[in-house]
Amino acid sequence: RQVEGEVVHRDSLGSEQSIRPGQLNLMTAGHGVSHSEEQPTGGGAGPLHGIQLWVAQPEATRHGEPAFEHHADLPRVDVGDGEATVLVGMMAGERSPARADTSLIGADVDLAAGGSARLPLHPGDEHALVVLAGRITIDGANVAPGVLAYLGEGRDEVVVESDEPARVMVLGGEPFPEPIVMSWN
């Protein structure tokens, strides 16, 4: 499925922000923040297909003040037979304006049918791909929608191919030296 629809973010910082495909809302929890994602008011609720990611912060910033930022316009870069929207971090010389407390990448890649994309990676980071739509091939392996393809560390690129239109999230970051434990409510 393609990313589509609209959702409204509300939080205890006083933020109220709609988000649509191609945009980014970034909330930093810090000392704590409560939030919700809701259907917009005043209209029919159409289909909603999106992705929500959680990024672990390093010790130096994880206990800071909570924050929220919205980015309606994000950099885009051609990657072979596709286009990548750089959500966080940097790809192919384009840097997102979003906060990044460590080296990381989050990119939304639209790949044309019958196409391939050579995606640059930072060799010191670990990376994975999540297929949102279509089927892709990485290193001769087929990857279906909803599957996380872990690429590991030490790669400076990955070539993604598809016989059909595909949408892929490229995710990666600096491995943390300590184990990460997530506490919930």
Protein backbone atom coordinates (compact mmCIF):
# COMPACT_ATOMS: atom_id res chain seq x y z
CA ARG A 1 0.00 0.00 0.00
CA GLN A 2 1.05 3.55 -0.59
CA VAL A 3 1.31 6.13 2.16
CA GLU A 4 -1.93 8.14 2.14
CA GLY A 5 -4.33 10.10 4.30
CA GLU A 6 -3.98 12.64 7.05
CA VAL A 7 -3.64 12.49 10.81
CA VAL A 8 -3.52 15.22 13.46
CA HIS A 9 -0.83 15.11 16.16
CA ARG A 10 -1.67 16.68 19.54
CA ASP A 11 0.59 16.73 22.58
CA SER A 12 1.03 18.10 26.10
CA LEU A 13 3.45 20.74 24.76
CA GLY A 14 0.47 22.40 23.05
CA SER A 15 1.36 21.17 19.56
CA GLU A 16 -1.48 20.49 17.13
CA GLN A 17 -0.24 19.57 13.67
CA SER A 18 -1.66 17.73 10.67
CA ILE A 19 0.65 15.48 8.75
CA ARG A 20 0.24 14.25 5.18
CA PRO A 21 2.31 12.02 2.88
CA GLY A 22 5.79 13.41 2.24
CA GLN A 23 5.90 15.31 5.54
CA LEU A 24 7.51 14.64 8.91
CA ASN A 25 6.39 15.20 12.48
CA LEU A 26 9.19 14.61 14.95
CA MET A 27 8.45 14.46 18.67
CA THR A 28 11.28 14.15 21.19
CA ALA A 29 9.98 12.69 24.44
CA GLY A 30 12.81 13.83 26.74
CA HIS A 31 11.53 14.09 30.34
CA GLY A 32 8.09 13.10 29.12
CA VAL A 33 5.25 14.17 26.91
CA SER A 34 1.81 12.75 26.27
CA HIS A 35 0.44 12.72 22.74
CA SER A 36 -2.21 11.39 20.42
CA GLU A 37 -2.72 10.91 16.72
CA GLU A 38 -6.31 11.49 15.66
CA GLN A 39 -8.47 11.73 12.58
CA PRO A 40 -8.97 15.31 11.37
CA THR A 41 -12.28 16.90 12.32
CA GLY A 42 -14.79 18.33 9.89
CA GLY A 43 -14.53 15.80 7.11
CA GLY A 44 -14.89 12.20 6.16
CA ALA A 45 -12.10 10.00 7.35
CA GLY A 46 -10.53 8.35 4.32
CA PRO A 47 -7.94 5.60 4.33
CA LEU A 48 -4.88 6.15 6.49
CA HIS A 49 -1.64 4.34 5.69
CA GLY A 50 1.51 5.66 7.28
CA ILE A 51 4.55 4.73 9.26
CA GLN A 52 5.52 5.74 12.78
CA LEU A 53 9.11 5.19 13.85
CA TRP A 54 10.72 5.44 17.27
CA VAL A 55 14.34 6.57 17.49
CA ALA A 56 16.41 5.87 20.59
CA GLN A 57 18.32 8.92 21.76
CA PRO A 58 21.87 8.81 23.06
CA GLU A 59 22.51 9.23 26.78
CA ALA A 60 23.66 12.83 26.22
CA THR A 61 20.18 13.98 25.03
CA ARG A 62 17.62 11.38 26.14
CA HIS A 63 16.84 13.14 29.43
CA GLY A 64 16.41 16.63 27.94
CA GLU A 65 13.29 18.71 27.45
CA PRO A 66 10.52 17.33 25.24
CA ALA A 67 10.14 18.95 21.82
CA PHE A 68 8.07 18.82 18.65
CA GLU A 69 8.86 19.87 15.10
CA HIS A 70 7.02 19.64 11.78
CA HIS A 71 8.62 19.63 8.34
CA ALA A 72 6.21 20.07 5.43
CA ASP A 73 8.96 20.28 2.81
CA LEU A 74 11.76 17.74 2.88
CA PRO A 75 14.69 17.34 0.51
CA ARG A 76 14.36 14.90 -2.36
CA VAL A 77 17.14 13.27 -4.32
CA ASP A 78 17.25 11.07 -7.42
CA VAL A 79 18.58 7.57 -6.71
CA GLY A 80 18.75 5.78 -10.04
CA ASP A 81 15.25 4.85 -11.15
CA GLY A 82 13.68 6.28 -8.03
CA GLU A 83 13.42 9.29 -5.81
CA ALA A 84 14.24 9.43 -2.10
CA THR A 85 12.66 11.83 0.37
CA VAL A 86 15.18 12.42 3.15
CA LEU A 87 13.14 12.37 6.38
CA VAL A 88 16.05 12.48 8.86
CA GLY A 89 19.80 12.50 8.44
CA MET A 90 21.54 12.68 5.09
CA MET A 91 21.42 10.76 1.82
CA ALA A 92 23.27 11.41 -1.45
CA GLY A 93 24.33 14.89 -0.35
CA GLU A 94 20.87 16.02 0.79
CA ARG A 95 20.30 16.66 4.50
CA SER A 96 16.94 16.77 6.27
CA PRO A 97 16.28 19.84 8.43
CA ALA A 98 14.97 17.52 11.18
CA ARG A 99 16.75 17.10 14.50
CA ALA A 100 19.23 14.23 14.63
CA ASP A 101 21.16 13.59 17.85
CA THR A 102 23.32 10.86 16.28
CA SER A 103 24.33 9.76 12.80
CA LEU A 104 21.15 8.31 11.32
CA ILE A 105 19.15 8.00 8.12
CA GLY A 106 15.47 7.76 7.45
CA ALA A 107 14.50 7.98 3.78
CA ASP A 108 11.34 7.14 1.86
CA VAL A 109 12.28 5.75 -1.57
CA ASP A 110 9.79 5.54 -4.46
CA LEU A 111 11.12 3.09 -7.05
CA ALA A 112 9.79 2.86 -10.61
CA ALA A 113 8.65 -0.45 -12.09
CA GLY A 114 11.56 -2.33 -13.60
CA GLY A 115 13.98 0.02 -11.90
CA SER A 116 16.92 -0.07 -9.59
CA ALA A 117 18.30 2.37 -7.06
CA ARG A 118 21.83 2.51 -5.66
CA LEU A 119 21.35 3.83 -2.13
CA PRO A 120 24.42 5.25 -0.38
CA LEU A 121 24.93 4.14 3.24
CA HIS A 122 27.32 5.20 5.99
CA PRO A 123 29.63 2.21 6.59
CA GLY A 124 29.93 2.86 10.35
CA ASP A 125 26.16 2.60 10.85
CA GLU A 126 23.82 -0.39 10.78
CA HIS A 127 20.96 -0.32 8.27
CA ALA A 128 17.68 -1.98 7.37
CA LEU A 129 15.00 -1.58 4.71
CA VAL A 130 11.26 -1.90 5.25
CA VAL A 131 9.13 -2.50 2.15
CA LEU A 132 5.88 -0.53 2.28
CA ALA A 133 4.59 -1.42 -1.21
CA GLY A 134 5.69 -3.66 -4.05
CA ARG A 135 8.32 -6.37 -3.86
CA ILE A 136 12.02 -5.64 -4.05
CA THR A 137 15.22 -7.59 -4.55
CA ILE A 138 18.34 -6.95 -2.46
CA ASP A 139 21.51 -8.97 -3.05
CA GLY A 140 19.44 -11.59 -4.93
CA ALA A 141 16.89 -11.98 -2.10
CA ASN A 142 13.22 -11.09 -2.60
CA VAL A 143 11.66 -8.91 0.10
CA ALA A 144 7.88 -8.54 0.46
CA PRO A 145 5.86 -5.67 1.95
CA GLY A 146 5.92 -5.49 5.73
CA VAL A 147 9.27 -7.26 6.00
CA LEU A 148 12.33 -5.68 7.58
CA ALA A 149 15.48 -6.57 5.65
CA TYR A 150 18.41 -6.15 8.05
CA LEU A 151 21.58 -5.12 6.20
CA GLY A 152 23.96 -4.98 9.17
CA GLU A 153 26.99 -2.72 9.51
CA GLY A 154 29.89 -1.96 7.22
CA ARG A 155 28.04 -1.33 3.94
CA ASP A 156 28.60 1.83 1.93
CA GLU A 157 25.64 1.16 -0.40
CA VAL A 158 22.81 -1.18 -1.24
CA VAL A 159 21.24 -1.77 -4.65
CA VAL A 160 17.46 -2.20 -4.59
CA GLU A 161 15.63 -3.55 -7.65
CA SER A 162 11.94 -4.08 -8.40
CA ASP A 163 9.82 -5.36 -11.28
CA GLU A 164 6.87 -3.30 -10.06
CA PRO A 165 6.50 0.14 -8.49
CA ALA A 166 7.81 -0.10 -4.93
CA ARG A 167 8.09 2.06 -1.83
CA VAL A 168 10.87 1.35 0.65
CA MET A 169 11.96 2.95 3.92
CA VAL A 170 15.73 3.12 4.40
CA LEU A 171 16.55 3.16 8.12
CA GLY A 172 19.89 3.27 9.83
CA GLY A 173 22.02 4.73 12.51
CA GLU A 174 25.03 4.60 14.71
CA PRO A 175 25.03 1.48 16.89
CA PHE A 176 24.77 2.37 20.57
CA PRO A 177 27.52 1.16 22.89
CA GLU A 178 24.99 0.32 25.64
CA PRO A 179 21.82 -1.81 25.55
CA ILE A 180 18.64 0.20 24.99
CA VAL A 181 15.70 -0.51 27.30
CA MET A 182 12.34 1.05 26.52
CA SER A 183 9.99 1.73 29.41
CA TRP A 184 6.37 2.32 28.68
CA ASN A 185 3.72 4.29 30.57
